[in-house]
């Protein structure tokens, strides 16, 4: 997950949800701009999931992210794309 918020705000957000995943802070918006997801002059980023393989190739893009089912949607898509269930 990438957020335009600073690291402290992301840490507090993750802790408030007892999240077990990493939140990448991109306060300058470099990553968001590179992937073309910034909106309103870079004030926020759209929710988009990019599936990137070990070689750095974008294998799929989901622009219809639904927060309520994102976890199961990602797991299904990773399986469809043939990603291993556990990294070697």
N, C-alpha and C. Protein backbone atom coordinates (compact mmCIF):
# COMPACT_ATOMS: atom_id res chain seq x y z
N UNK A 1 0.84 -1.17 0.00
CA UNK A 1 0.00 0.00 0.00
C UNK A 1 0.89 1.23 0.00
N UNK A 2 0.52 2.19 -0.83
CA UNK A 2 1.25 3.46 -0.90
C UNK A 2 0.30 4.58 -0.50
N UNK A 3 0.78 5.48 0.32
CA UNK A 3 -0.02 6.61 0.78
C UNK A 3 0.77 7.90 0.61
N UNK A 4 0.08 8.98 0.32
CA UNK A 4 0.73 10.28 0.21
C UNK A 4 0.98 10.91 1.58
N UNK A 5 0.52 10.26 2.63
CA UNK A 5 0.73 10.78 3.98
C UNK A 5 2.16 10.54 4.45
N UNK A 6 2.58 11.30 5.46
CA UNK A 6 3.94 11.14 5.99
C UNK A 6 4.02 9.85 6.82
N UNK A 7 5.25 9.36 7.07
CA UNK A 7 5.41 8.08 7.77
C UNK A 7 4.73 8.02 9.14
N UNK A 8 4.77 9.09 9.92
CA UNK A 8 4.15 9.07 11.24
C UNK A 8 2.63 8.89 11.16
N UNK A 9 2.01 9.58 10.22
CA UNK A 9 0.56 9.45 10.05
C UNK A 9 0.21 8.05 9.57
N UNK A 10 1.01 7.48 8.65
CA UNK A 10 0.76 6.12 8.19
C UNK A 10 0.93 5.10 9.31
N UNK A 11 1.95 5.30 10.14
CA UNK A 11 2.19 4.39 11.26
C UNK A 11 0.98 4.41 12.21
N UNK A 12 0.51 5.60 12.54
CA UNK A 12 -0.64 5.72 13.43
C UNK A 12 -1.88 5.07 12.83
N UNK A 13 -2.08 5.26 11.53
CA UNK A 13 -3.22 4.65 10.84
C UNK A 13 -3.12 3.13 10.90
N UNK A 14 -1.96 2.58 10.55
CA UNK A 14 -1.76 1.13 10.56
C UNK A 14 -1.96 0.57 11.96
N UNK A 15 -1.42 1.25 12.97
CA UNK A 15 -1.57 0.79 14.35
C UNK A 15 -3.03 0.84 14.80
N UNK A 16 -3.77 1.85 14.35
CA UNK A 16 -5.17 1.96 14.76
C UNK A 16 -6.01 0.81 14.23
N UNK A 17 -5.57 0.20 13.13
CA UNK A 17 -6.28 -0.93 12.54
C UNK A 17 -5.64 -2.26 12.87
N UNK A 18 -4.55 -2.21 13.64
CA UNK A 18 -3.77 -3.42 13.93
C UNK A 18 -3.35 -4.10 12.63
N UNK A 19 -2.98 -3.28 11.66
CA UNK A 19 -2.61 -3.79 10.32
C UNK A 19 -1.29 -4.53 10.38
N UNK A 20 -1.19 -5.57 9.56
CA UNK A 20 0.03 -6.36 9.50
C UNK A 20 0.77 -6.18 8.19
N UNK A 21 0.38 -5.20 7.41
CA UNK A 21 1.07 -4.96 6.14
C UNK A 21 1.80 -3.63 6.18
N UNK A 22 2.71 -3.47 5.26
CA UNK A 22 3.53 -2.26 5.19
C UNK A 22 2.79 -1.18 4.42
N UNK A 23 2.88 0.04 4.91
CA UNK A 23 2.33 1.19 4.21
C UNK A 23 3.51 2.07 3.79
N UNK A 24 3.72 2.18 2.50
CA UNK A 24 4.80 3.00 1.97
C UNK A 24 4.36 4.46 1.97
N UNK A 25 5.16 5.32 2.55
CA UNK A 25 4.86 6.74 2.54
C UNK A 25 5.48 7.39 1.31
N UNK A 26 4.66 8.13 0.60
CA UNK A 26 5.08 8.83 -0.61
C UNK A 26 4.63 10.28 -0.52
N UNK A 27 5.10 11.01 0.52
CA UNK A 27 4.59 12.38 0.75
C UNK A 27 4.89 13.35 -0.39
N UNK A 28 5.91 13.09 -1.17
CA UNK A 28 6.21 13.96 -2.32
C UNK A 28 5.40 13.56 -3.55
N UNK A 29 4.78 12.39 -3.52
CA UNK A 29 3.94 11.93 -4.63
C UNK A 29 4.69 11.36 -5.81
N UNK A 30 5.98 11.07 -5.65
CA UNK A 30 6.77 10.57 -6.78
C UNK A 30 6.25 9.25 -7.33
N UNK A 31 5.96 8.31 -6.43
CA UNK A 31 5.47 7.00 -6.87
C UNK A 31 4.08 7.15 -7.48
N UNK A 32 3.21 7.89 -6.82
CA UNK A 32 1.85 8.08 -7.33
C UNK A 32 1.86 8.72 -8.72
N UNK A 33 2.70 9.71 -8.91
CA UNK A 33 2.80 10.34 -10.24
C UNK A 33 3.33 9.34 -11.27
N UNK A 34 4.35 8.57 -10.89
CA UNK A 34 4.95 7.61 -11.83
C UNK A 34 3.92 6.58 -12.30
N UNK A 35 2.99 6.23 -11.42
CA UNK A 35 1.96 5.25 -11.78
C UNK A 35 0.67 5.92 -12.29
N UNK A 36 0.66 7.25 -12.36
CA UNK A 36 -0.48 7.96 -12.94
C UNK A 36 -1.74 7.92 -12.12
N UNK A 37 -1.62 7.92 -10.79
CA UNK A 37 -2.81 7.82 -9.95
C UNK A 37 -3.12 9.07 -9.13
N UNK A 38 -2.36 10.14 -9.32
CA UNK A 38 -2.63 11.36 -8.55
C UNK A 38 -3.86 12.07 -9.09
N UNK A 39 -4.53 12.76 -8.20
CA UNK A 39 -5.72 13.55 -8.54
C UNK A 39 -5.64 14.90 -7.84
N UNK A 40 -6.40 15.86 -8.34
CA UNK A 40 -6.46 17.21 -7.78
C UNK A 40 -5.07 17.80 -7.56
N UNK A 41 -4.27 17.76 -8.61
CA UNK A 41 -2.94 18.35 -8.54
C UNK A 41 -2.00 17.67 -7.57
N UNK A 42 -2.22 16.38 -7.31
CA UNK A 42 -1.35 15.63 -6.42
C UNK A 42 -1.77 15.65 -4.97
N UNK A 43 -2.98 16.15 -4.68
CA UNK A 43 -3.45 16.19 -3.29
C UNK A 43 -3.83 14.81 -2.76
N UNK A 44 -4.23 13.91 -3.65
CA UNK A 44 -4.54 12.55 -3.22
C UNK A 44 -4.31 11.59 -4.38
N UNK A 45 -4.29 10.32 -4.05
CA UNK A 45 -4.10 9.27 -5.05
C UNK A 45 -5.34 8.38 -5.11
N UNK A 46 -5.72 8.00 -6.32
CA UNK A 46 -6.84 7.05 -6.48
C UNK A 46 -6.44 5.69 -5.94
N UNK A 47 -7.43 4.91 -5.54
CA UNK A 47 -7.19 3.53 -5.11
C UNK A 47 -7.07 2.67 -6.36
N UNK A 48 -5.87 2.21 -6.62
CA UNK A 48 -5.59 1.34 -7.76
C UNK A 48 -4.62 0.27 -7.28
N UNK A 49 -4.84 -0.97 -7.70
CA UNK A 49 -3.93 -2.05 -7.35
C UNK A 49 -3.14 -2.44 -8.58
N UNK A 50 -1.81 -2.42 -8.45
CA UNK A 50 -0.91 -2.86 -9.52
C UNK A 50 -0.30 -4.18 -9.08
N UNK A 51 -0.37 -5.18 -9.94
CA UNK A 51 0.23 -6.48 -9.67
C UNK A 51 1.55 -6.54 -10.41
N UNK A 52 2.64 -6.50 -9.64
CA UNK A 52 3.99 -6.40 -10.20
C UNK A 52 4.74 -7.68 -9.85
N UNK A 53 5.33 -8.33 -10.87
CA UNK A 53 6.05 -9.58 -10.60
C UNK A 53 7.47 -9.30 -10.13
N UNK A 54 8.21 -10.37 -9.84
CA UNK A 54 9.56 -10.26 -9.28
C UNK A 54 10.53 -9.55 -10.22
N UNK A 55 10.23 -9.56 -11.52
CA UNK A 55 11.09 -8.87 -12.49
C UNK A 55 10.71 -7.40 -12.67
N UNK A 56 9.65 -6.96 -11.99
CA UNK A 56 9.23 -5.58 -12.08
C UNK A 56 8.23 -5.30 -13.18
N UNK A 57 7.69 -6.35 -13.79
CA UNK A 57 6.71 -6.19 -14.85
C UNK A 57 5.32 -6.07 -14.25
N UNK A 58 4.58 -5.04 -14.67
CA UNK A 58 3.20 -4.88 -14.22
C UNK A 58 2.36 -5.91 -14.98
N UNK A 59 1.83 -6.87 -14.27
CA UNK A 59 1.08 -7.97 -14.88
C UNK A 59 -0.41 -7.67 -15.00
N UNK A 60 -0.93 -6.81 -14.13
CA UNK A 60 -2.35 -6.45 -14.18
C UNK A 60 -2.56 -5.18 -13.37
N UNK A 61 -3.65 -4.50 -13.68
CA UNK A 61 -4.02 -3.28 -12.96
C UNK A 61 -5.51 -3.36 -12.65
N UNK A 62 -5.86 -3.12 -11.40
CA UNK A 62 -7.26 -3.09 -10.99
C UNK A 62 -7.61 -1.66 -10.60
N UNK A 63 -8.42 -1.02 -11.42
CA UNK A 63 -8.82 0.36 -11.15
C UNK A 63 -10.18 0.44 -10.45
N UNK A 64 -10.75 -0.71 -10.14
CA UNK A 64 -12.05 -0.76 -9.48
C UNK A 64 -11.90 -1.39 -8.10
N UNK A 65 -11.05 -0.80 -7.27
CA UNK A 65 -10.76 -1.33 -5.94
C UNK A 65 -11.93 -1.04 -5.00
N UNK A 66 -12.41 -2.09 -4.36
CA UNK A 66 -13.49 -1.97 -3.37
C UNK A 66 -12.90 -2.30 -2.01
N UNK A 67 -12.76 -1.31 -1.13
CA UNK A 67 -12.13 -1.55 0.17
C UNK A 67 -12.72 -2.72 0.95
N UNK A 68 -14.02 -2.92 0.86
CA UNK A 68 -14.66 -3.98 1.64
C UNK A 68 -14.27 -5.39 1.18
N UNK A 69 -13.78 -5.53 -0.04
CA UNK A 69 -13.40 -6.86 -0.53
C UNK A 69 -12.00 -6.89 -1.12
N UNK A 70 -11.22 -5.84 -0.89
CA UNK A 70 -9.91 -5.73 -1.53
C UNK A 70 -8.99 -6.91 -1.22
N UNK A 71 -8.97 -7.37 0.02
CA UNK A 71 -8.09 -8.48 0.38
C UNK A 71 -8.41 -9.74 -0.40
N UNK A 72 -9.67 -10.14 -0.41
CA UNK A 72 -10.04 -11.35 -1.14
C UNK A 72 -9.92 -11.15 -2.65
N UNK A 73 -10.21 -9.94 -3.13
CA UNK A 73 -10.05 -9.65 -4.56
C UNK A 73 -8.59 -9.81 -4.98
N UNK A 74 -7.67 -9.28 -4.14
CA UNK A 74 -6.24 -9.38 -4.46
C UNK A 74 -5.78 -10.84 -4.42
N UNK A 75 -6.21 -11.59 -3.42
CA UNK A 75 -5.81 -13.00 -3.32
C UNK A 75 -6.27 -13.78 -4.55
N UNK A 76 -7.51 -13.54 -4.99
CA UNK A 76 -8.04 -14.21 -6.17
C UNK A 76 -7.23 -13.85 -7.40
N UNK A 77 -6.96 -12.56 -7.59
CA UNK A 77 -6.23 -12.10 -8.77
C UNK A 77 -4.80 -12.65 -8.78
N UNK A 78 -4.15 -12.64 -7.63
CA UNK A 78 -2.79 -13.19 -7.55
C UNK A 78 -2.78 -14.66 -7.97
N UNK A 79 -3.80 -15.41 -7.55
CA UNK A 79 -3.92 -16.81 -7.97
C UNK A 79 -4.12 -16.94 -9.47
N UNK A 80 -5.01 -16.10 -10.02
CA UNK A 80 -5.26 -16.12 -11.46
C UNK A 80 -4.00 -15.84 -12.26
N UNK A 81 -3.16 -14.94 -11.74
CA UNK A 81 -1.93 -14.56 -12.43
C UNK A 81 -0.79 -15.55 -12.20
N UNK A 82 -1.02 -16.53 -11.33
CA UNK A 82 -0.01 -17.56 -11.08
C UNK A 82 1.09 -17.15 -10.13
N UNK A 83 0.85 -16.12 -9.32
CA UNK A 83 1.84 -15.74 -8.31
C UNK A 83 1.90 -16.84 -7.26
N UNK A 84 3.10 -17.15 -6.74
CA UNK A 84 3.19 -18.17 -5.70
C UNK A 84 2.49 -17.71 -4.42
N UNK A 85 1.94 -18.65 -3.68
CA UNK A 85 1.25 -18.31 -2.44
C UNK A 85 2.23 -17.82 -1.38
N UNK A 86 3.46 -18.32 -1.44
CA UNK A 86 4.47 -17.89 -0.49
C UNK A 86 5.75 -17.66 -1.27
N UNK A 87 6.38 -16.52 -1.00
CA UNK A 87 7.63 -16.20 -1.70
C UNK A 87 8.70 -17.23 -1.37
N UNK A 88 9.51 -17.61 -2.38
CA UNK A 88 10.57 -18.61 -2.14
C UNK A 88 11.64 -18.11 -1.19
